Amino acid sequence: MTGGTQRCKMKSISEATIAILRRLLSQKKIGSHGLPVEVCTRWIKNLSPKAYKIALKDLEQCKKEKLVLTTYGKLGKHYSINPRKLKKVYELITQ
Protein backbone atom coordinates (compact mmCIF):
# COMPACT_ATOMS: atom_id res chain seq x y z
CA MET A 1 0.00 0.00 0.00
CA THR A 2 1.53 3.30 -1.03
CA GLY A 3 1.10 6.39 1.09
CA GLY A 4 0.10 8.99 -1.49
CA THR A 5 -1.87 12.11 -0.76
CA GLN A 6 -5.44 12.25 -1.93
CA ARG A 7 -6.70 15.41 -3.53
CA CYS A 8 -10.02 17.01 -2.76
CA LYS A 9 -12.40 16.35 -5.65
CA MET A 10 -14.88 19.03 -4.66
CA LYS A 11 -14.44 22.21 -6.64
CA SER A 12 -17.39 24.08 -5.19
CA ILE A 13 -20.18 23.43 -2.73
CA SER A 14 -23.52 25.04 -2.03
CA GLU A 15 -23.88 28.11 0.18
CA ALA A 16 -25.90 26.13 2.72
CA THR A 17 -23.12 23.56 3.12
CA ILE A 18 -20.61 26.38 3.48
CA ALA A 19 -22.83 27.81 6.22
CA ILE A 20 -22.80 24.45 8.05
CA LEU A 21 -19.01 24.20 7.79
CA ARG A 22 -18.59 27.80 8.99
CA ARG A 23 -20.87 27.18 11.95
CA LEU A 24 -18.95 24.04 12.91
CA LEU A 25 -15.69 25.98 12.72
CA SER A 26 -16.99 29.01 14.61
CA GLN A 27 -18.28 26.77 17.41
CA LYS A 28 -14.92 24.93 17.43
CA LYS A 29 -16.46 21.55 16.66
CA ILE A 30 -13.22 19.96 15.48
CA GLY A 31 -12.20 16.36 16.02
CA SER A 32 -14.04 14.54 18.78
CA HIS A 33 -16.21 17.56 19.69
CA GLY A 34 -19.28 17.43 17.47
CA LEU A 35 -22.80 18.72 17.05
CA PRO A 36 -25.85 16.49 16.63
CA VAL A 37 -26.96 15.95 13.04
CA GLU A 38 -30.44 17.29 13.86
CA VAL A 39 -28.94 20.62 14.92
CA CYS A 40 -26.84 20.88 11.75
CA THR A 41 -29.79 20.15 9.46
CA ARG A 42 -32.03 22.53 11.42
CA TRP A 43 -29.87 25.43 10.19
CA ILE A 44 -30.89 24.76 6.57
CA LYS A 45 -34.51 23.63 7.03
CA ASN A 46 -35.99 26.87 5.64
CA LEU A 47 -34.42 26.42 2.21
CA SER A 48 -36.42 25.37 -0.82
CA PRO A 49 -36.69 21.58 -1.21
CA LYS A 50 -34.28 21.59 -4.15
CA ALA A 51 -31.63 23.66 -2.33
CA TYR A 52 -32.07 21.49 0.78
CA LYS A 53 -31.39 18.30 -1.21
CA ILE A 54 -28.32 19.88 -2.83
CA ALA A 55 -26.99 20.93 0.57
CA LEU A 56 -27.45 17.42 1.97
CA LYS A 57 -25.74 15.90 -1.09
CA ASP A 58 -22.79 18.27 -0.66
CA LEU A 59 -22.60 17.40 3.02
CA GLU A 60 -22.55 13.69 2.13
CA GLN A 61 -19.74 14.40 -0.36
CA CYS A 62 -17.82 16.19 2.42
CA LYS A 63 -18.27 13.09 4.56
CA LYS A 64 -17.01 10.81 1.76
CA GLU A 65 -13.90 12.96 1.36
CA LYS A 66 -13.52 12.90 5.15
CA LEU A 67 -13.72 16.68 5.55
CA VAL A 68 -16.59 16.12 7.99
CA LEU A 69 -16.39 13.31 10.55
CA THR A 70 -19.38 11.39 11.87
CA THR A 71 -19.23 10.15 15.44
CA TYR A 72 -21.80 8.18 17.38
CA GLY A 73 -22.56 8.91 21.00
CA LYS A 74 -25.29 8.60 23.59
CA LEU A 75 -27.36 11.26 21.87
CA GLY A 76 -26.98 9.84 18.36
CA LYS A 77 -24.94 10.93 15.35
CA HIS A 78 -22.67 13.99 15.53
CA TYR A 79 -20.81 15.96 12.86
CA SER A 80 -17.42 17.57 13.35
CA ILE A 81 -14.59 18.91 11.18
CA ASN A 82 -11.67 16.58 10.51
CA PRO A 83 -8.62 18.22 12.16
CA ARG A 84 -6.32 16.79 9.48
CA LYS A 85 -8.34 18.43 6.70
CA LEU A 86 -8.73 21.93 8.17
CA LYS A 87 -6.73 23.51 5.35
CA LYS A 88 -9.05 22.01 2.71
CA VAL A 89 -12.12 23.14 4.63
CA TYR A 90 -10.76 26.71 4.80
CA GLU A 91 -10.09 26.61 1.05
CA LEU A 92 -13.67 25.49 0.32
CA ILE A 93 -15.16 28.15 2.57
CA THR A 94 -13.10 31.03 1.20
CA GLN A 95 -13.69 30.30 -2.50
PDB file of N, CA and C in Angstrom:
ATOM      1  N   MET A   1       0.846  -1.176   0.000  1.00  0.00           N
ATOM      2  CA  MET A   1       0.000   0.000   0.000  1.00  0.00           C
ATOM      3  C   MET A   1       0.892   1.240   0.000  1.00  0.00           C
ATOM      4  N   THR A   2       0.714   2.095  -0.949  1.00  0.00           N
ATOM      5  CA  THR A   2       1.534   3.300  -1.032  1.00  0.00           C
ATOM      6  C   THR A   2       0.856   4.433  -0.293  1.00  0.00           C
ATOM      7  N   GLY A   3       1.639   5.296   0.296  1.00  0.00           N
ATOM      8  CA  GLY A   3       1.095   6.394   1.092  1.00  0.00           C
ATOM      9  C   GLY A   3       1.053   7.695   0.312  1.00  0.00           C
ATOM     10  N   GLY A   4       0.229   7.771  -0.708  1.00  0.00           N
ATOM     11  CA  GLY A   4       0.104   8.986  -1.490  1.00  0.00           C
ATOM     12  C   GLY A   4      -0.953   9.905  -0.905  1.00  0.00           C
ATOM     13  N   THR A   5      -0.869  11.164  -1.250  1.00  0.00           N
ATOM     14  CA  THR A   5      -1.866  12.110  -0.763  1.00  0.00           C
ATOM     15  C   THR A   5      -3.063  12.107  -1.697  1.00  0.00           C
ATOM     16  N   GLN A   6      -4.234  12.201  -1.131  1.00  0.00           N
ATOM     17  CA  GLN A   6      -5.444  12.253  -1.933  1.00  0.00           C
ATOM     18  C   GLN A   6      -5.857  13.702  -2.085  1.00  0.00           C
ATOM     19  N   ARG A   7      -6.293  14.039  -3.263  1.00  0.00           N
ATOM     20  CA  ARG A   7      -6.697  15.407  -3.528  1.00  0.00           C
ATOM     21  C   ARG A   7      -8.201  15.541  -3.342  1.00  0.00           C
ATOM     22  N   CYS A   8      -8.595  16.718  -2.949  1.00  0.00           N
ATOM     23  CA  CYS A   8     -10.018  17.011  -2.756  1.00  0.00           C
ATOM     24  C   CYS A   8     -10.674  17.110  -4.127  1.00  0.00           C
ATOM     25  N   LYS A   9     -11.726  16.357  -4.355  1.00  0.00           N
ATOM     26  CA  LYS A   9     -12.396  16.350  -5.651  1.00  0.00           C
ATOM     27  C   LYS A   9     -13.460  17.429  -5.757  1.00  0.00           C
ATOM     28  N   MET A  10     -13.824  18.022  -4.646  1.00  0.00           N
ATOM     29  CA  MET A  10     -14.879  19.029  -4.657  1.00  0.00           C
ATOM     30  C   MET A  10     -14.309  20.366  -5.107  1.00  0.00           C
ATOM     31  N   LYS A  11     -14.881  20.901  -6.155  1.00  0.00           N
ATOM     32  CA  LYS A  11     -14.441  22.207  -6.643  1.00  0.00           C
ATOM     33  C   LYS A  11     -15.255  23.318  -5.987  1.00  0.00           C
ATOM     34  N   SER A  12     -16.536  23.092  -5.840  1.00  0.00           N
ATOM     35  CA  SER A  12     -17.388  24.078  -5.185  1.00  0.00           C
ATOM     36  C   SER A  12     -18.532  23.353  -4.483  1.00  0.00           C
ATOM     37  N   ILE A  13     -19.057  24.000  -3.466  1.00  0.00           N
ATOM     38  CA  ILE A  13     -20.177  23.432  -2.728  1.00  0.00           C
ATOM     39  C   ILE A  13     -21.234  24.510  -2.545  1.00  0.00           C
ATOM     40  N   SER A  14     -22.409  24.096  -2.166  1.00  0.00           N
ATOM     41  CA  SER A  14     -23.522  25.037  -2.030  1.00  0.00           C
ATOM     42  C   SER A  14     -23.299  25.977  -0.839  1.00  0.00           C
ATOM     43  N   GLU A  15     -23.984  27.105  -0.895  1.00  0.00           N
ATOM     44  CA  GLU A  15     -23.878  28.106   0.175  1.00  0.00           C
ATOM     45  C   GLU A  15     -24.368  27.550   1.513  1.00  0.00           C
ATOM     46  N   ALA A  16     -25.375  26.702   1.475  1.00  0.00           N
ATOM     47  CA  ALA A  16     -25.900  26.133   2.721  1.00  0.00           C
ATOM     48  C   ALA A  16     -24.871  25.210   3.378  1.00  0.00           C
ATOM     49  N   THR A  17     -24.156  24.427   2.573  1.00  0.00           N
ATOM     50  CA  THR A  17     -23.121  23.557   3.123  1.00  0.00           C
ATOM     51  C   THR A  17     -21.965  24.384   3.659  1.00  0.00           C
ATOM     52  N   ILE A  18     -21.638  25.467   2.980  1.00  0.00           N
ATOM     53  CA  ILE A  18     -20.608  26.378   3.481  1.00  0.00           C
ATOM     54  C   ILE A  18     -21.037  26.959   4.825  1.00  0.00           C
ATOM     55  N   ALA A  19     -22.318  27.272   4.952  1.00  0.00           N
ATOM     56  CA  ALA A  19     -22.827  27.808   6.222  1.00  0.00           C
ATOM     57  C   ALA A  19     -22.688  26.776   7.341  1.00  0.00           C
ATOM     58  N   ILE A  20     -22.949  25.507   7.039  1.00  0.00           N
ATOM     59  CA  ILE A  20     -22.800  24.453   8.048  1.00  0.00           C
ATOM     60  C   ILE A  20     -21.340  24.325   8.462  1.00  0.00           C
ATOM     61  N   LEU A  21     -20.433  24.318   7.480  1.00  0.00           N
ATOM     62  CA  LEU A  21     -19.005  24.199   7.788  1.00  0.00           C
ATOM     63  C   LEU A  21     -18.518  25.394   8.597  1.00  0.00           C
ATOM     64  N   ARG A  22     -18.977  26.597   8.233  1.00  0.00           N
ATOM     65  CA  ARG A  22     -18.590  27.796   8.987  1.00  0.00           C
ATOM     66  C   ARG A  22     -19.083  27.726  10.422  1.00  0.00           C
ATOM     67  N   ARG A  23     -20.312  27.266  10.607  1.00  0.00           N
ATOM     68  CA  ARG A  23     -20.873  27.175  11.951  1.00  0.00           C
ATOM     69  C   ARG A  23     -20.099  26.163  12.791  1.00  0.00           C
ATOM     70  N   LEU A  24     -19.741  25.036  12.182  1.00  0.00           N
ATOM     71  CA  LEU A  24     -18.949  24.038  12.914  1.00  0.00           C
ATOM     72  C   LEU A  24     -17.591  24.605  13.307  1.00  0.00           C
ATOM     73  N   LEU A  25     -16.985  25.380  12.402  1.00  0.00           N
ATOM     74  CA  LEU A  25     -15.694  25.985  12.716  1.00  0.00           C
ATOM     75  C   LEU A  25     -15.825  27.067  13.775  1.00  0.00           C
ATOM     76  N   SER A  26     -16.844  27.913  13.656  1.00  0.00           N
ATOM     77  CA  SER A  26     -16.991  29.009  14.615  1.00  0.00           C
ATOM     78  C   SER A  26     -17.312  28.497  16.015  1.00  0.00           C
ATOM     79  N   GLN A  27     -17.986  27.355  16.104  1.00  0.00           N
ATOM     80  CA  GLN A  27     -18.282  26.768  17.406  1.00  0.00           C
ATOM     81  C   GLN A  27     -17.193  25.793  17.861  1.00  0.00           C
ATOM     82  N   LYS A  28     -16.092  25.751  17.101  1.00  0.00           N
ATOM     83  CA  LYS A  28     -14.918  24.926  17.427  1.00  0.00           C
ATOM     84  C   LYS A  28     -15.275  23.452  17.586  1.00  0.00           C
ATOM     85  N   LYS A  29     -16.081  22.960  16.664  1.00  0.00           N
ATOM     86  CA  LYS A  29     -16.463  21.547  16.656  1.00  0.00           C
ATOM     87  C   LYS A  29     -15.503  20.797  15.737  1.00  0.00           C
ATOM     88  N   ILE A  30     -14.293  20.579  16.250  1.00  0.00           N
ATOM     89  CA  ILE A  30     -13.223  19.956  15.481  1.00  0.00           C
ATOM     90  C   ILE A  30     -12.802  18.678  16.195  1.00  0.00           C
ATOM     91  N   GLY A  31     -12.640  17.621  15.438  1.00  0.00           N
ATOM     92  CA  GLY A  31     -12.200  16.358  16.021  1.00  0.00           C
ATOM     93  C   GLY A  31     -13.310  15.639  16.761  1.00  0.00           C
ATOM     94  N   SER A  32     -13.076  15.334  18.017  1.00  0.00           N
ATOM     95  CA  SER A  32     -14.039  14.544  18.785  1.00  0.00           C
ATOM     96  C   SER A  32     -15.202  15.379  19.314  1.00  0.00           C
ATOM     97  N   HIS A  33     -15.133  16.694  19.217  1.00  0.00           N
ATOM     98  CA  HIS A  33     -16.213  17.557  19.693  1.00  0.00           C
ATOM     99  C   HIS A  33     -17.155  17.833  18.527  1.00  0.00           C
ATOM    100  N   GLY A  34     -18.355  17.297  18.576  1.00  0.00           N
ATOM    101  CA  GLY A  34     -19.276  17.430  17.465  1.00  0.00           C
ATOM    102  C   GLY A  34     -20.617  17.987  17.879  1.00  0.00           C
ATOM    103  N   LEU A  35     -21.426  18.269  16.855  1.00  0.00           N
ATOM    104  CA  LEU A  35     -22.805  18.716  17.049  1.00  0.00           C
ATOM    105  C   LEU A  35     -23.749  17.651  16.507  1.00  0.00           C
ATOM    106  N   PRO A  36     -24.897  17.465  17.149  1.00  0.00           N
ATOM    107  CA  PRO A  36     -25.852  16.488  16.630  1.00  0.00           C
ATOM    108  C   PRO A  36     -26.290  16.824  15.209  1.00  0.00           C
ATOM    109  N   VAL A  37     -26.548  15.789  14.434  1.00  0.00           N
ATOM    110  CA  VAL A  37     -26.956  15.952  13.039  1.00  0.00           C
ATOM    111  C   VAL A  37     -28.242  16.771  12.950  1.00  0.00           C
ATOM    112  N   GLU A  38     -29.167  16.566  13.885  1.00  0.00           N
ATOM    113  CA  GLU A  38     -30.436  17.290  13.857  1.00  0.00           C
ATOM    114  C   GLU A  38     -30.210  18.798  13.959  1.00  0.00           C
ATOM    115  N   VAL A  39     -29.243  19.195  14.761  1.00  0.00           N
ATOM    116  CA  VAL A  39     -28.938  20.623  14.919  1.00  0.00           C
ATOM    117  C   VAL A  39     -28.365  21.173  13.622  1.00  0.00           C
ATOM    118  N   CYS A  40     -27.462  20.425  12.998  1.00  0.00           N
ATOM    119  CA  CYS A  40     -26.841  20.883  11.753  1.00  0.00           C
ATOM    120  C   CYS A  40     -27.861  21.012  10.624  1.00  0.00           C
ATOM    121  N   THR A  41     -28.793  20.068  10.525  1.00  0.00           N
ATOM    122  CA  THR A  41     -29.786  20.151   9.461  1.00  0.00           C
ATOM    123  C   THR A  41     -30.882  21.169   9.784  1.00  0.00           C
ATOM    124  N   ARG A  42     -31.043  21.513  11.050  1.00  0.00           N
ATOM    125  CA  ARG A  42     -32.025  22.535  11.423  1.00  0.00           C
ATOM    126  C   ARG A  42     -31.644  23.902  10.853  1.00  0.00           C
ATOM    127  N   TRP A  43     -30.335  24.140  10.697  1.00  0.00           N
ATOM    128  CA  TRP A  43     -29.874  25.431  10.192  1.00  0.00           C
ATOM    129  C   TRP A  43     -30.292  25.671   8.749  1.00  0.00           C
ATOM    130  N   ILE A  44     -30.565  24.601   8.000  1.00  0.00           N
ATOM    131  CA  ILE A  44     -30.893  24.765   6.574  1.00  0.00           C
ATOM    132  C   ILE A  44     -32.334  24.344   6.261  1.00  0.00           C
ATOM    133  N   LYS A  45     -33.161  24.160   7.261  1.00  0.00           N
ATOM    134  CA  LYS A  45     -34.507  23.630   7.030  1.00  0.00           C
ATOM    135  C   LYS A  45     -35.421  24.601   6.288  1.00  0.00           C
ATOM    136  N   ASN A  46     -35.117  25.889   6.291  1.00  0.00           N
ATOM    137  CA  ASN A  46     -35.987  26.867   5.644  1.00  0.00           C
ATOM    138  C   ASN A  46     -35.665  27.076   4.170  1.00  0.00           C
ATOM    139  N   LEU A  47     -34.748  26.316   3.628  1.00  0.00           N
ATOM    140  CA  LEU A  47     -34.424  26.417   2.208  1.00  0.00           C
ATOM    141  C   LEU A  47     -35.515  25.766   1.369  1.00  0.00           C
ATOM    142  N   SER A  48     -35.496  26.058   0.083  1.00  0.00           N
ATOM    143  CA  SER A  48     -36.419  25.375  -0.823  1.00  0.00           C
ATOM    144  C   SER A  48     -36.045  23.890  -0.860  1.00  0.00           C
ATOM    145  N   PRO A  49     -36.993  23.024  -1.204  1.00  0.00           N
ATOM    146  CA  PRO A  49     -36.693  21.582  -1.209  1.00  0.00           C
ATOM    147  C   PRO A  49     -35.506  21.212  -2.105  1.00  0.00           C
ATOM    148  N   LYS A  50     -35.378  21.880  -3.241  1.00  0.00           N
ATOM    149  CA  LYS A  50     -34.275  21.585  -4.154  1.00  0.00           C
ATOM    150  C   LYS A  50     -32.931  21.988  -3.536  1.00  0.00           C
ATOM    151  N   ALA A  51     -32.871  23.186  -2.958  1.00  0.00           N
ATOM    152  CA  ALA A  51     -31.629  23.657  -2.332  1.00  0.00           C
ATOM    153  C   ALA A  51     -31.278  22.808  -1.113  1.00  0.00           C
ATOM    154  N   TYR A  52     -32.284  22.341  -0.388  1.00  0.00           N
ATOM    155  CA  TYR A  52     -32.070  21.485   0.776  1.00  0.00           C
ATOM    156  C   TYR A  52     -31.426  20.162   0.362  1.00  0.00           C
ATOM    157  N   LYS A  53     -31.946  19.555  -0.722  1.00  0.00           N
ATOM    158  CA  LYS A  53     -31.386  18.298  -1.210  1.00  0.00           C
ATOM    159  C   LYS A  53     -29.949  18.483  -1.682  1.00  0.00           C
ATOM    160  N   ILE A  54     -29.680  19.597  -2.366  1.00  0.00           N
ATOM    161  CA  ILE A  54     -28.321  19.875  -2.833  1.00  0.00           C
ATOM    162  C   ILE A  54     -27.372  20.040  -1.651  1.00  0.00           C
ATOM    163  N   ALA A  55     -27.823  20.732  -0.616  1.00  0.00           N
ATOM    164  CA  ALA A  55     -26.987  20.930   0.572  1.00  0.00           C
ATOM    165  C   ALA A  55     -26.683  19.599   1.252  1.00  0.00           C
ATOM    166  N   LEU A  56     -27.674  18.723   1.347  1.00  0.00           N
ATOM    167  CA  LEU A  56     -27.446  17.417   1.965  1.00  0.00           C
ATOM    168  C   LEU A  56     -26.507  16.551   1.125  1.00  0.00           C
ATOM    169  N   LYS A  57     -26.641  16.648  -0.217  1.00  0.00           N
ATOM    170  CA  LYS A  57     -25.736  15.902  -1.090  1.00  0.00           C
ATOM    171  C   LYS A  57     -24.300  16.389  -0.925  1.00  0.00           C
ATOM    172  N   ASP A  58     -24.124  17.710  -0.851  1.00  0.00           N
ATOM    173  CA  ASP A  58     -22.788  18.272  -0.663  1.00  0.00           C
ATOM    174  C   ASP A  58     -22.211  17.866   0.686  1.00  0.00           C
ATOM    175  N   LEU A  59     -23.054  17.823   1.700  1.00  0.00           N
ATOM    176  CA  LEU A  59     -22.598  17.397   3.024  1.00  0.00           C
ATOM    177  C   LEU A  59     -22.172  15.927   2.999  1.00  0.00           C
ATOM    178  N   GLU A  60     -22.921  15.094   2.276  1.00  0.00           N
ATOM    179  CA  GLU A  60     -22.547  13.688   2.126  1.00  0.00           C
ATOM    180  C   GLU A  60     -21.215  13.563   1.387  1.00  0.00           C
ATOM    181  N   GLN A  61     -21.005  14.414   0.374  1.00  0.00           N
ATOM    182  CA  GLN A  61     -19.739  14.402  -0.356  1.00  0.00           C
ATOM    183  C   GLN A  61     -18.587  14.812   0.562  1.00  0.00           C
ATOM    184  N   CYS A  62     -18.836  15.784   1.433  1.00  0.00           N
ATOM    185  CA  CYS A  62     -17.822  16.185   2.416  1.00  0.00           C
ATOM    186  C   CYS A  62     -17.492  15.029   3.351  1.00  0.00           C
ATOM    187  N   LYS A  63     -18.505  14.248   3.705  1.00  0.00           N
ATOM    188  CA  LYS A  63     -18.272  13.087   4.559  1.00  0.00           C
ATOM    189  C   LYS A  63     -17.466  12.023   3.831  1.00  0.00           C
ATOM    190  N   LYS A  64     -17.746  11.803   2.535  1.00  0.00           N
ATOM    191  CA  LYS A  64     -17.010  10.812   1.756  1.00  0.00           C
ATOM    192  C   LYS A  64     -15.544  11.195   1.615  1.00  0.00           C
ATOM    193  N   GLU A  65     -15.282  12.488   1.479  1.00  0.00           N
ATOM    194  CA  GLU A  65     -13.903  12.957   1.359  1.00  0.00           C
ATOM    195  C   GLU A  65     -13.262  13.183   2.720  1.00  0.00           C
ATOM    196  N   LYS A  66     -13.991  12.835   3.770  1.00  0.00           N
ATOM    197  CA  LYS A  66     -13.525  12.896   5.154  1.00  0.00           C
ATOM    198  C   LYS A  66     -13.165  14.308   5.600  1.00  0.00           C
ATOM    199  N   LEU A  67     -13.853  15.312   5.041  1.00  0.00           N
ATOM    200  CA  LEU A  67     -13.721  16.676   5.551  1.00  0.00           C
ATOM    201  C   LEU A  67     -14.558  16.820   6.812  1.00  0.00           C
ATOM    202  N   VAL A  68     -15.689  16.116   6.843  1.00  0.00           N
ATOM    203  CA  VAL A  68     -16.592  16.116   7.995  1.00  0.00           C
ATOM    204  C   VAL A  68     -16.597  14.706   8.566  1.00  0.00           C
ATOM    205  N   LEU A  69     -16.386  14.602   9.866  1.00  0.00           N
ATOM    206  CA  LEU A  69     -16.394  13.308  10.548  1.00  0.00           C
ATOM    207  C   LEU A  69     -17.761  13.057  11.165  1.00  0.00           C
ATOM    208  N   THR A  70     -18.145  11.803  11.209  1.00  0.00           N
ATOM    209  CA  THR A  70     -19.378  11.395  11.873  1.00  0.00           C
ATOM    210  C   THR A  70     -18.998  10.531  13.064  1.00  0.00           C
ATOM    211  N   THR A  71     -19.464  10.941  14.236  1.00  0.00           N
ATOM    212  CA  THR A  71     -19.230  10.152  15.435  1.00  0.00           C
ATOM    213  C   THR A  71     -20.571   9.756  16.027  1.00  0.00           C
ATOM    214  N   TYR A  72     -20.574   8.666  16.755  1.00  0.00           N
ATOM    215  CA  TYR A  72     -21.798   8.181  17.379  1.00  0.00           C
ATOM    216  C   TYR A  72     -21.624   8.224  18.889  1.00  0.00           C
ATOM    217  N   GLY A  73     -22.606   8.814  19.558  1.00  0.00           N
ATOM    218  CA  GLY A  73     -22.557   8.905  21.005  1.00  0.00           C
ATOM    219  C   GLY A  73     -23.887   8.537  21.622  1.00  0.00           C
ATOM    220  N   LYS A  74     -24.050   8.897  22.880  1.00  0.00           N
ATOM    221  CA  LYS A  74     -25.292   8.600  23.594  1.00  0.00           C
ATOM    222  C   LYS A  74     -26.489   9.288  22.950  1.00  0.00           C
ATOM    223  N   LEU A  75     -26.261  10.481  22.435  1.00  0.00           N
ATOM    224  CA  LEU A  75     -27.357  11.264  21.872  1.00  0.00           C
ATOM    225  C   LEU A  75     -27.504  11.084  20.368  1.00  0.00           C
ATOM    226  N   GLY A  76     -26.846  10.113  19.785  1.00  0.00           N
ATOM    227  CA  GLY A  76     -26.983   9.839  18.360  1.00  0.00           C
ATOM    228  C   GLY A  76     -25.771  10.291  17.570  1.00  0.00           C
ATOM    229  N   LYS A  77     -25.996  10.556  16.282  1.00  0.00           N
ATOM    230  CA  LYS A  77     -24.940  10.929  15.352  1.00  0.00           C
ATOM    231  C   LYS A  77     -24.517  12.382  15.546  1.00  0.00           C
ATOM    232  N   HIS A  78     -23.213  12.638  15.428  1.00  0.00           N
ATOM    233  CA  HIS A  78     -22.672  13.986  15.532  1.00  0.00           C
ATOM    234  C   HIS A  78     -21.752  14.261  14.356  1.00  0.00           C
ATOM    235  N   TYR A  79     -21.732  15.529  13.901  1.00  0.00           N
ATOM    236  CA  TYR A  79     -20.809  15.956  12.856  1.00  0.00           C
ATOM    237  C   TYR A  79     -19.735  16.837  13.471  1.00  0.00           C
ATOM    238  N   SER A  80     -18.518  16.694  12.961  1.00  0.00           N
ATOM    239  CA  SER A  80     -17.423  17.574  13.350  1.00  0.00           C
ATOM    240  C   SER A  80     -16.458  17.696  12.172  1.00  0.00           C
ATOM    241  N   ILE A  81     -15.580  18.688  12.226  1.00  0.00           N
ATOM    242  CA  ILE A  81     -14.589  18.912  11.182  1.00  0.00           C
ATOM    243  C   ILE A  81     -13.388  18.003  11.451  1.00  0.00           C
ATOM    244  N   ASN A  82     -12.857  17.412  10.395  1.00  0.00           N
ATOM    245  CA  ASN A  82     -11.668  16.580  10.514  1.00  0.00           C
ATOM    246  C   ASN A  82     -10.461  17.488  10.754  1.00  0.00           C
ATOM    247  N   PRO A  83      -9.752  17.333  11.870  1.00  0.00           N
ATOM    248  CA  PRO A  83      -8.622  18.219  12.158  1.00  0.00           C
ATOM    249  C   PRO A  83      -7.487  18.098  11.143  1.00  0.00           C
ATOM    250  N   ARG A  84      -7.376  16.968  10.481  1.00  0.00           N
ATOM    251  CA  ARG A  84      -6.316  16.790   9.482  1.00  0.00           C
ATOM    252  C   ARG A  84      -6.657  17.449   8.157  1.00  0.00           C
ATOM    253  N   LYS A  85      -7.905  17.838   7.964  1.00  0.00           N
ATOM    254  CA  LYS A  85      -8.336  18.430   6.699  1.00  0.00           C
ATOM    255  C   LYS A  85      -8.766  19.891   6.866  1.00  0.00           C
ATOM    256  N   LEU A  86      -8.325  20.546   7.924  1.00  0.00           N
ATOM    257  CA  LEU A  86      -8.733  21.928   8.172  1.00  0.00           C
ATOM    258  C   LEU A  86      -8.357  22.855   7.020  1.00  0.00           C
ATOM    259  N   LYS A  87      -7.189  22.658   6.450  1.00  0.00           N
ATOM    260  CA  LYS A  87      -6.734  23.514   5.351  1.00  0.00           C
ATOM    261  C   LYS A  87      -7.685  23.412   4.161  1.00  0.00           C
ATOM    262  N   LYS A  88      -8.107  22.200   3.821  1.00  0.00           N
ATOM    263  CA  LYS A  88      -9.047  22.007   2.711  1.00  0.00           C
ATOM    264  C   LYS A  88     -10.401  22.638   3.007  1.00  0.00           C
ATOM    265  N   VAL A  89     -10.836  22.543   4.256  1.00  0.00           N
ATOM    266  CA  VAL A  89     -12.120  23.145   4.631  1.00  0.00           C
ATOM    267  C   VAL A  89     -12.043  24.665   4.492  1.00  0.00           C
ATOM    268  N   TYR A  90     -10.942  25.258   4.953  1.00  0.00           N
ATOM    269  CA  TYR A  90     -10.760  26.711   4.799  1.00  0.00           C
ATOM    270  C   TYR A  90     -10.760  27.110   3.329  1.00  0.00           C
ATOM    271  N   GLU A  91     -10.119  26.310   2.482  1.00  0.00           N
ATOM    272  CA  GLU A  91     -10.089  26.610   1.049  1.00  0.00           C
ATOM    273  C   GLU A  91     -11.489  26.573   0.448  1.00  0.00           C
ATOM    274  N   LEU A  92     -12.296  25.582   0.831  1.00  0.00           N
ATOM    275  CA  LEU A  92     -13.668  25.490   0.323  1.00  0.00           C
ATOM    276  C   LEU A  92     -14.526  26.662   0.777  1.00  0.00           C
ATOM    277  N   ILE A  93     -14.334  27.074   2.017  1.00  0.00           N
ATOM    278  CA  ILE A  93     -15.158  28.147   2.572  1.00  0.00           C
ATOM    279  C   ILE A  93     -14.803  29.498   1.948  1.00  0.00           C
ATOM    280  N   THR A  94     -13.537  29.718   1.685  1.00  0.00           N
ATOM    281  CA  THR A  94     -13.097  31.030   1.202  1.00  0.00           C
ATOM    282  C   THR A  94     -13.087  31.156  -0.316  1.00  0.00           C
ATOM    283  N   GLN A  95     -13.648  30.201  -1.035  1.00  0.00           N
ATOM    284  CA  GLN A  95     -13.688  30.301  -2.504  1.00  0.00           C
ATOM    285  C   GLN A  95     -14.459  31.497  -2.959  1.00  0.00           C
TER     286      GLN A  95
END
